[in-house]
Each structure stands twice: as C-alpha cells, then as structure tokens.
N, C-alpha and C. Protein backbone atom coordinates (compact mmCIF):
# COMPACT_ATOMS: atom_id res chain seq x y z
N MET A 1 -114.45 119.79 1.19
CA MET A 1 -112.76 119.50 1.06
C MET A 1 -112.18 118.15 1.27
N ASP A 2 -112.09 117.49 1.04
CA ASP A 2 -111.44 116.32 1.51
C ASP A 2 -110.46 116.57 1.92
N LEU A 3 -109.90 115.29 2.82
CA LEU A 3 -108.17 115.22 3.71
C LEU A 3 -107.48 115.40 2.65
N LYS A 4 -107.61 114.78 1.62
CA LYS A 4 -106.26 114.90 0.63
C LYS A 4 -105.95 116.35 -0.23
N GLU A 5 -107.09 116.56 0.00
CA GLU A 5 -107.16 118.00 -1.00
C GLU A 5 -106.46 119.21 0.15
N LEU A 6 -107.60 119.15 1.50
CA LEU A 6 -106.61 119.81 2.59
C LEU A 6 -104.94 120.07 2.79
N LYS A 7 -104.48 118.42 2.57
CA LYS A 7 -102.90 118.27 2.99
C LYS A 7 -102.29 118.84 1.98
N VAL A 8 -102.53 119.21 0.51
CA VAL A 8 -102.01 119.95 -0.50
C VAL A 8 -101.76 121.62 0.09
N LYS A 9 -103.37 121.82 0.44
CA LYS A 9 -103.02 122.97 1.08
C LYS A 9 -102.00 123.65 1.88
N LEU A 10 -102.36 122.25 2.86
CA LEU A 10 -101.26 122.77 4.01
C LEU A 10 -99.84 122.61 3.63
N TYR A 11 -99.73 121.87 2.95
CA TYR A 11 -98.43 121.37 2.26
C TYR A 11 -97.71 122.83 1.66
N GLU A 12 -99.00 123.49 0.98
CA GLU A 12 -98.39 124.88 0.36
C GLU A 12 -98.15 126.11 1.06
N THR A 13 -99.33 126.10 2.31
CA THR A 13 -99.13 126.99 3.79
C THR A 13 -97.38 126.53 4.13
N CYS A 14 -97.21 125.32 4.64
CA CYS A 14 -95.70 125.52 5.41
C CYS A 14 -95.00 125.78 4.20
N LEU A 15 -94.87 125.65 2.71
CA LEU A 15 -93.29 125.90 1.68
C LEU A 15 -93.76 127.26 2.32
N GLU A 16 -94.94 128.15 1.96
CA GLU A 16 -94.81 129.86 2.13
C GLU A 16 -94.51 130.07 3.21
N HIS A 17 -94.65 129.52 4.44
CA HIS A 17 -94.03 129.75 5.75
C HIS A 17 -92.38 129.51 5.45
N ILE A 18 -91.98 128.92 5.15
CA ILE A 18 -90.92 128.73 5.09
C ILE A 18 -89.87 129.49 3.68
N ASN A 19 -90.46 129.70 2.64
CA ASN A 19 -90.13 130.30 1.73
C ASN A 19 -90.07 132.06 2.56
N GLN A 20 -90.96 132.46 3.25
CA GLN A 20 -90.76 133.76 3.94
C GLN A 20 -89.67 133.70 4.90
N ARG A 21 -89.74 132.67 5.88
CA ARG A 21 -88.09 132.46 6.65
C ARG A 21 -87.01 132.75 5.69
N ILE A 22 -86.92 132.52 4.59
CA ILE A 22 -85.45 132.43 3.44
C ILE A 22 -85.60 133.56 3.24
N THR A 23 -86.90 134.39 3.01
CA THR A 23 -86.51 135.77 2.42
C THR A 23 -86.23 136.40 3.69
N VAL A 24 -86.27 136.61 4.49
CA VAL A 24 -86.35 137.90 5.71
C VAL A 24 -84.80 137.50 6.17
N ALA A 25 -84.49 136.16 5.92
CA ALA A 25 -82.82 135.93 6.58
C ALA A 25 -82.25 136.16 5.82
N LYS A 26 -82.27 136.61 4.67
CA LYS A 26 -81.69 137.16 3.14
C LYS A 26 -81.60 138.71 3.26
N GLN A 27 -82.49 139.01 3.60
CA GLN A 27 -82.80 140.19 3.75
C GLN A 27 -81.45 140.95 4.98
N ALA A 28 -82.00 140.02 6.23
CA ALA A 28 -81.68 140.58 7.63
C ALA A 28 -79.77 140.64 7.31
N MET A 29 -79.51 139.26 6.41
CA MET A 29 -78.12 139.38 6.45
C MET A 29 -77.00 140.10 5.75
N ASN A 30 -78.23 140.62 4.18
CA ASN A 30 -77.69 141.55 3.68
C ASN A 30 -77.45 143.15 4.12
N THR A 31 -78.67 143.37 5.16
CA THR A 31 -78.79 144.80 5.53
C THR A 31 -77.49 144.32 6.83
N ALA A 32 -77.28 143.44 7.16
CA ALA A 32 -76.08 143.57 8.19
C ALA A 32 -74.90 143.46 7.47
N GLN A 33 -74.63 142.86 6.43
CA GLN A 33 -73.00 143.13 5.65
C GLN A 33 -72.98 144.52 5.26
N SER A 34 -74.45 145.09 4.96
CA SER A 34 -74.45 146.54 3.94
C SER A 34 -73.64 147.34 4.95
N ALA A 35 -74.18 147.03 6.69
CA ALA A 35 -74.43 148.04 7.96
C ALA A 35 -72.58 147.69 8.07
N ALA A 36 -71.76 146.76 7.69
CA ALA A 36 -70.52 146.80 7.90
C ALA A 36 -70.03 146.96 7.22
N ASN A 37 -70.19 147.04 6.01
CA ASN A 37 -69.51 147.63 4.88
C ASN A 37 -69.32 148.95 5.17
N GLU A 38 -70.79 149.78 5.14
CA GLU A 38 -70.98 150.68 5.43
C GLU A 38 -69.63 151.55 6.27
N GLU A 39 -69.59 151.02 7.71
CA GLU A 39 -69.28 151.42 8.54
C GLU A 39 -67.93 151.95 8.51
N GLY A 40 -68.15 153.54 8.80
CA GLY A 40 -66.61 154.25 8.74
C GLY A 40 -65.89 154.24 9.64
N LYS A 41 -64.74 154.81 8.72
CA LYS A 41 -64.08 155.31 10.62
C LYS A 41 -64.24 156.60 11.46
N SER A 42 -64.04 156.22 12.80
CA SER A 42 -64.40 156.88 13.45
C SER A 42 -63.32 157.82 14.44
N SER A 43 -63.10 159.11 14.82
CA SER A 43 -62.06 159.54 16.08
C SER A 43 -61.81 158.32 16.57
N ALA A 44 -62.77 157.41 17.14
CA ALA A 44 -62.45 156.44 18.38
C ALA A 44 -61.75 155.59 18.17
N GLY A 45 -61.63 155.44 16.88
CA GLY A 45 -60.57 153.99 16.61
C GLY A 45 -61.17 152.45 16.61
N ASP A 46 -61.04 151.97 17.62
CA ASP A 46 -62.22 151.10 17.98
C ASP A 46 -63.05 150.88 18.22
N LYS A 47 -63.94 151.83 18.09
CA LYS A 47 -65.66 151.88 17.62
C LYS A 47 -65.73 151.73 16.17
N TYR A 48 -64.92 151.81 15.46
CA TYR A 48 -64.89 151.47 14.06
C TYR A 48 -64.94 149.67 13.87
N GLU A 49 -63.97 149.25 14.76
CA GLU A 49 -63.69 147.81 14.39
C GLU A 49 -64.70 147.18 15.09
N THR A 50 -65.18 147.69 16.68
CA THR A 50 -66.14 147.13 17.54
C THR A 50 -67.78 147.32 16.81
N GLY A 51 -68.09 147.78 15.98
CA GLY A 51 -69.39 148.23 15.20
C GLY A 51 -69.28 147.03 13.90
N ARG A 52 -68.18 147.02 13.21
CA ARG A 52 -67.87 146.04 12.22
C ARG A 52 -67.95 144.64 12.62
N ALA A 53 -67.81 144.51 13.58
CA ALA A 53 -67.18 142.80 14.21
C ALA A 53 -68.63 142.49 14.99
N MET A 54 -69.44 143.42 15.11
CA MET A 54 -70.63 143.49 15.75
C MET A 54 -71.98 143.03 14.42
N MET A 55 -71.30 144.01 13.70
CA MET A 55 -72.55 143.60 11.88
C MET A 55 -72.04 141.90 11.45
N GLN A 56 -70.99 141.54 11.56
CA GLN A 56 -70.36 140.34 11.02
C GLN A 56 -71.08 139.37 11.89
N ILE A 57 -70.86 139.60 13.27
CA ILE A 57 -71.64 138.53 13.47
C ILE A 57 -72.99 138.39 13.26
N GLU A 58 -73.72 139.55 13.49
CA GLU A 58 -75.10 139.81 12.83
C GLU A 58 -75.69 138.90 11.68
N ARG A 59 -74.34 139.19 11.10
CA ARG A 59 -74.76 138.51 9.67
C ARG A 59 -74.35 136.57 9.44
N ASP A 60 -73.66 136.80 10.29
CA ASP A 60 -73.56 135.42 11.03
C ASP A 60 -74.34 134.55 11.71
N LYS A 61 -75.44 135.13 12.05
CA LYS A 61 -76.35 134.59 12.89
C LYS A 61 -77.58 134.21 11.94
N ASN A 62 -77.83 135.33 10.60
CA ASN A 62 -78.74 135.31 9.82
C ASN A 62 -78.62 134.43 8.77
N ALA A 63 -76.75 134.10 8.46
CA ALA A 63 -76.69 133.47 7.68
C ALA A 63 -77.25 131.77 8.18
N ALA A 64 -76.72 131.67 9.21
CA ALA A 64 -76.88 130.35 10.00
C ALA A 64 -78.51 129.80 10.11
N GLN A 65 -79.20 130.80 10.38
CA GLN A 65 -80.70 130.91 9.99
C GLN A 65 -81.50 130.47 8.66
N LEU A 66 -80.72 131.34 7.24
CA LEU A 66 -80.85 131.00 6.37
C LEU A 66 -80.46 129.48 5.87
N ALA A 67 -79.29 128.93 5.95
CA ALA A 67 -79.52 127.95 5.81
C ALA A 67 -79.83 126.68 6.70
N GLU A 68 -80.38 126.86 8.11
CA GLU A 68 -81.38 126.09 8.58
C GLU A 68 -82.74 126.23 7.70
N ALA A 69 -83.34 127.66 7.20
CA ALA A 69 -84.25 127.29 6.68
C ALA A 69 -84.50 126.89 5.20
N LEU A 70 -83.27 126.98 4.60
CA LEU A 70 -82.85 125.94 3.51
C LEU A 70 -83.14 124.59 3.42
N LYS A 71 -82.38 124.04 4.74
CA LYS A 71 -82.75 122.12 5.33
C LYS A 71 -83.86 121.98 5.27
N ILE A 72 -84.88 122.49 6.15
CA ILE A 72 -86.25 122.37 6.24
C ILE A 72 -86.72 122.32 4.98
N LYS A 73 -87.25 123.49 4.11
CA LYS A 73 -87.33 123.32 2.75
C LYS A 73 -87.21 122.38 1.99
N LYS A 74 -85.79 121.73 2.18
CA LYS A 74 -85.39 120.56 1.39
C LYS A 74 -86.29 119.10 1.68
N ILE A 75 -86.22 118.92 3.19
CA ILE A 75 -86.92 118.10 4.08
C ILE A 75 -88.25 118.06 3.57
N LEU A 76 -88.73 119.54 3.40
CA LEU A 76 -90.45 119.43 3.09
C LEU A 76 -90.32 118.72 1.49
N GLU A 77 -89.90 119.02 0.72
CA GLU A 77 -89.89 119.12 -0.43
C GLU A 77 -89.78 117.45 -0.85
N GLN A 78 -89.41 116.68 0.34
CA GLN A 78 -89.26 115.12 0.22
C GLN A 78 -90.43 114.49 -0.01
N PHE A 79 -91.71 115.29 0.45
CA PHE A 79 -92.83 115.09 0.86
C PHE A 79 -93.84 115.23 -0.13
N PRO A 80 -94.27 114.85 -1.11
CA PRO A 80 -94.86 115.06 -2.31
C PRO A 80 -96.60 115.20 -1.63
N PRO A 81 -97.23 115.74 -1.12
CA PRO A 81 -98.69 116.02 -0.67
C PRO A 81 -99.48 115.40 -1.65
N ALA A 82 -99.55 115.32 -2.84
CA ALA A 82 -100.19 114.21 -3.45
C ALA A 82 -100.24 112.41 -3.11
N LYS A 83 -99.27 112.26 -2.41
CA LYS A 83 -99.29 110.72 -2.04
C LYS A 83 -99.99 110.69 -1.32
N THR A 84 -100.53 109.46 -1.70
CA THR A 84 -101.52 108.76 -0.63
C THR A 84 -100.78 108.01 0.30
N LEU A 85 -101.34 108.21 2.06
CA LEU A 85 -100.27 107.30 2.62
C LEU A 85 -101.20 106.61 3.56
N GLU A 86 -101.33 105.17 4.31
CA GLU A 86 -102.09 104.29 4.54
C GLU A 86 -101.88 104.32 6.31
N LYS A 87 -100.76 104.57 6.70
CA LYS A 87 -99.90 105.18 7.72
C LYS A 87 -99.56 106.31 8.32
N ALA A 88 -99.39 106.43 9.59
CA ALA A 88 -98.74 107.35 10.15
C ALA A 88 -97.16 107.74 9.84
N GLU A 89 -96.78 108.15 8.84
CA GLU A 89 -95.35 108.33 8.56
C GLU A 89 -95.19 110.16 8.49
N ALA A 90 -93.96 109.94 7.75
CA ALA A 90 -93.73 111.55 6.84
C ALA A 90 -94.50 111.87 5.63
N GLY A 91 -95.02 112.91 5.72
CA GLY A 91 -95.93 113.64 4.65
C GLY A 91 -97.41 113.49 5.21
N ALA A 92 -97.73 112.16 6.01
CA ALA A 92 -98.92 112.09 6.28
C ALA A 92 -100.02 113.00 7.04
N LEU A 93 -101.25 113.38 6.82
CA LEU A 93 -102.12 114.29 7.15
C LEU A 93 -102.95 113.87 8.24
N LEU A 94 -102.34 113.68 9.54
CA LEU A 94 -103.46 113.15 10.23
C LEU A 94 -104.78 113.75 10.94
N GLN A 95 -106.11 113.06 10.38
CA GLN A 95 -107.30 113.26 11.34
C GLN A 95 -107.58 112.70 12.42
N THR A 96 -106.85 113.55 13.90
CA THR A 96 -107.18 112.75 14.91
C THR A 96 -108.36 113.41 15.36
N ASP A 97 -108.84 112.67 16.93
CA ASP A 97 -109.96 112.69 17.48
C ASP A 97 -109.63 114.30 18.47
N SER A 98 -108.34 114.67 18.37
CA SER A 98 -107.97 115.95 19.44
C SER A 98 -107.57 116.79 17.36
N GLY A 99 -107.95 116.79 16.92
CA GLY A 99 -107.63 117.55 15.58
C GLY A 99 -106.44 117.17 14.56
N LEU A 100 -106.00 118.27 13.36
CA LEU A 100 -105.40 117.35 12.55
C LEU A 100 -103.82 117.45 13.00
N PHE A 101 -102.93 116.73 12.43
CA PHE A 101 -101.64 116.82 12.09
C PHE A 101 -100.95 116.36 10.99
N TYR A 102 -99.98 117.22 10.59
CA TYR A 102 -99.41 117.31 9.75
C TYR A 102 -97.76 116.89 10.01
N LEU A 103 -97.41 115.54 9.76
CA LEU A 103 -95.88 114.99 9.79
C LEU A 103 -95.14 115.18 8.72
N CYS A 104 -94.45 116.90 8.94
CA CYS A 104 -93.85 117.09 7.82
C CYS A 104 -92.56 117.83 8.75
N VAL A 105 -92.45 118.93 8.99
CA VAL A 105 -91.64 119.94 9.29
C VAL A 105 -92.51 120.26 10.46
N SER A 106 -91.61 120.82 11.64
CA SER A 106 -92.13 121.40 12.85
C SER A 106 -92.49 123.30 12.26
N ALA A 107 -93.33 123.16 11.70
CA ALA A 107 -93.58 124.99 11.75
C ALA A 107 -95.31 125.36 12.70
N GLY A 108 -95.24 124.38 13.69
CA GLY A 108 -96.54 124.79 14.31
C GLY A 108 -97.55 125.36 13.94
N LYS A 109 -98.77 125.86 14.36
CA LYS A 109 -100.39 125.71 13.91
C LYS A 109 -100.02 126.41 12.60
N ILE A 110 -101.00 126.13 11.76
CA ILE A 110 -100.89 126.48 10.60
C ILE A 110 -102.17 126.12 10.03
N SER A 111 -102.96 126.93 9.15
CA SER A 111 -104.45 127.09 8.50
C SER A 111 -104.41 127.05 6.94
N ALA A 112 -105.36 126.52 6.73
CA ALA A 112 -105.86 126.33 5.56
C ALA A 112 -106.92 126.42 4.81
N GLU A 113 -107.70 126.79 3.98
CA GLU A 113 -109.35 126.74 3.70
C GLU A 113 -110.07 127.12 5.12
N GLY A 114 -109.27 127.33 6.01
CA GLY A 114 -110.35 127.76 7.38
C GLY A 114 -110.03 126.24 8.28
N GLN A 115 -109.01 125.59 8.11
CA GLN A 115 -108.72 124.62 9.15
C GLN A 115 -108.09 124.92 9.45
N ASN A 116 -107.40 124.27 10.89
CA ASN A 116 -106.19 124.50 11.63
C ASN A 116 -105.41 123.12 11.78
N ALA A 117 -104.34 123.03 11.42
CA ALA A 117 -103.44 121.78 11.72
C ALA A 117 -102.34 122.10 12.37
N PHE A 118 -101.38 121.42 12.76
CA PHE A 118 -100.34 121.53 13.74
C PHE A 118 -99.20 120.61 12.87
N ALA A 119 -97.97 121.30 12.36
CA ALA A 119 -97.74 120.87 11.42
C ALA A 119 -96.32 120.48 12.35
N VAL A 120 -96.20 118.97 12.13
CA VAL A 120 -94.80 118.63 13.24
C VAL A 120 -93.87 117.67 12.68
N SER A 121 -92.55 117.77 13.06
CA SER A 121 -91.53 116.38 12.46
C SER A 121 -92.20 115.36 12.75
N PRO A 122 -91.48 114.69 12.53
CA PRO A 122 -91.58 112.96 12.47
C PRO A 122 -90.83 112.81 13.26
N VAL A 123 -89.91 113.44 13.72
CA VAL A 123 -88.95 112.93 14.57
C VAL A 123 -88.97 113.37 16.30
N THR A 124 -90.45 114.06 16.81
CA THR A 124 -91.12 115.00 17.88
C THR A 124 -91.43 113.85 18.39
N PRO A 125 -91.65 113.91 19.36
CA PRO A 125 -92.11 112.65 20.44
C PRO A 125 -93.77 112.24 19.83
N PHE A 126 -94.63 113.14 19.25
CA PHE A 126 -95.49 113.11 18.50
C PHE A 126 -95.46 111.96 17.53
N GLY A 127 -94.44 112.84 16.82
CA GLY A 127 -94.39 111.98 15.47
C GLY A 127 -93.81 110.30 15.55
N GLN A 128 -93.06 110.20 16.60
CA GLN A 128 -92.15 109.12 16.85
C GLN A 128 -93.38 107.98 17.12
N ALA A 129 -94.38 108.60 18.59
CA ALA A 129 -95.44 107.82 19.16
C ALA A 129 -96.77 107.17 18.15
N CYS A 130 -96.97 108.36 16.79
CA CYS A 130 -97.90 107.93 16.31
C CYS A 130 -97.50 106.83 14.90
N SER A 131 -95.49 106.90 14.42
CA SER A 131 -95.24 106.49 13.79
C SER A 131 -95.93 105.05 13.38
N GLY A 132 -96.08 104.35 12.36
CA GLY A 132 -96.82 103.50 11.53
C GLY A 132 -97.90 102.95 12.08
N LYS A 133 -99.00 103.86 12.42
CA LYS A 133 -100.38 103.57 12.81
C LYS A 133 -100.99 104.11 12.35
N LYS A 134 -102.40 102.74 12.05
CA LYS A 134 -103.16 103.33 10.62
C LYS A 134 -104.46 104.11 11.74
N ALA A 135 -105.29 103.99 10.51
CA ALA A 135 -106.68 104.30 11.08
C ALA A 135 -107.51 103.64 12.03
N ASN A 136 -107.93 104.60 12.74
CA ASN A 136 -109.13 103.92 14.41
C ASN A 136 -107.77 102.77 15.25
N GLU A 137 -106.59 103.28 15.17
CA GLU A 137 -105.75 103.07 16.08
C GLU A 137 -105.01 104.36 17.07
N CYS A 138 -105.25 103.58 18.30
CA CYS A 138 -104.74 104.53 18.80
C CYS A 138 -102.95 104.85 19.72
N PHE A 139 -102.80 105.67 20.17
CA PHE A 139 -101.60 106.41 20.63
C PHE A 139 -101.45 107.84 21.42
N SER A 140 -100.72 107.10 22.28
CA SER A 140 -100.14 108.33 23.46
C SER A 140 -99.46 109.33 23.46
N VAL A 141 -99.24 110.45 23.83
CA VAL A 141 -97.98 111.34 23.93
C VAL A 141 -98.13 111.78 25.30
N ASN A 142 -96.76 111.75 26.39
CA ASN A 142 -97.12 112.65 27.22
C ASN A 142 -98.55 112.64 28.44
N GLY A 143 -98.86 111.48 28.10
CA GLY A 143 -100.12 111.00 29.05
C GLY A 143 -101.47 111.36 28.32
N LYS A 144 -101.73 111.59 27.25
CA LYS A 144 -102.66 112.28 26.62
C LYS A 144 -102.66 111.04 25.06
N ALA A 145 -104.11 110.74 25.07
CA ALA A 145 -104.71 109.67 24.17
C ALA A 145 -104.55 110.40 23.15
N PHE A 146 -104.61 109.85 21.89
CA PHE A 146 -104.84 110.24 20.83
C PHE A 146 -105.41 109.02 20.02
N LYS A 147 -106.52 109.23 19.20
CA LYS A 147 -107.23 107.85 17.96
C LYS A 147 -107.05 108.77 16.90
N ILE A 148 -106.52 108.35 15.89
CA ILE A 148 -106.18 108.48 14.43
C ILE A 148 -107.73 108.07 13.77
N LEU A 149 -108.62 109.12 13.18
CA LEU A 149 -109.87 108.95 12.72
C LEU A 149 -109.28 108.81 11.01
N GLU A 150 -108.81 109.32 10.46
CA GLU A 150 -108.09 109.23 8.98
C GLU A 150 -107.09 109.70 8.65
N ILE A 151 -106.20 109.04 7.71
CA ILE A 151 -105.16 109.50 7.63
C ILE A 151 -104.93 109.86 5.69
N ALA A 152 -104.07 110.72 5.38
CA ALA A 152 -104.44 111.05 3.92
C ALA A 152 -102.62 110.99 3.84
C-alpha cells in the first residue's frame, strides 16, 4: 500500500475515533439528563436538589465534550485525504525516519492496514516545526531530529 492510500485509511480511522467520541458524549449527556429528570423528591428535601444539580453538572460536562468532538470533526473534514500535498502542512501524512505522522487533529497513536501513525495537530510544536518542509528536509522538536522521507 502506498502512502496516499494509507493516508485515506488513517483519515477514516481518525473520523471513526471522533465519531465514537461524539456517540459516547451524546449517550452520557442523555443518561445524565434522564437521571436528573428522574431524581424524585425525598424526605430529605435538599438531597433531591443536590442530586439534580450534580446530574445537571454532569450533563453540562458531557455537552462540552460533545461540542469539542464536533469541532474536531469539522476541522478534520477540512483536510480531504485524497488531496496530494508536497510539503508538510495540515492534511499531510509524513513518512519520517522516526515513523509516520498525520498532520490533521490530535488523536494520538492510530493504526490502519497494520501501520501505526501519530495523528497530531498542525498547531502542536511538532506540527509547527515541520510546517512547510518538503521531502528530504530535516527539522527538530525538543532536541530530537526528524528527516522527512516522503509526503502524501
């Protein structure tokens, strides 16, 4: 499998990862909302309000996670994987002497077709250090040198 085909597979993996985060956040938000709605009056009085407030806080936390995941998905969708790139920029898959790096969104270590890569945001120190570099050029991050072997 060439680097361009692998980039498409890695993009799909990132998208699946983000869609899973969206699903989990929605489910957790709905569960917290249901729990808050079902919280019944007890003889303790304040216990009802405290439990309801805690469920609302949990729902709000999950809503924030959902909003963040939707934002990340929107960013990822701006980088069509079929586009051929010749320099390190958002949407590029870099084959370096230290492994594969996909400049898209921060998703950590991802795998596709038996190949491991690191999905990193272009605004990270790594993304900024390699920005604009072409194949056979070098850059360093935190004292570690990298050489770009190929870009897709």
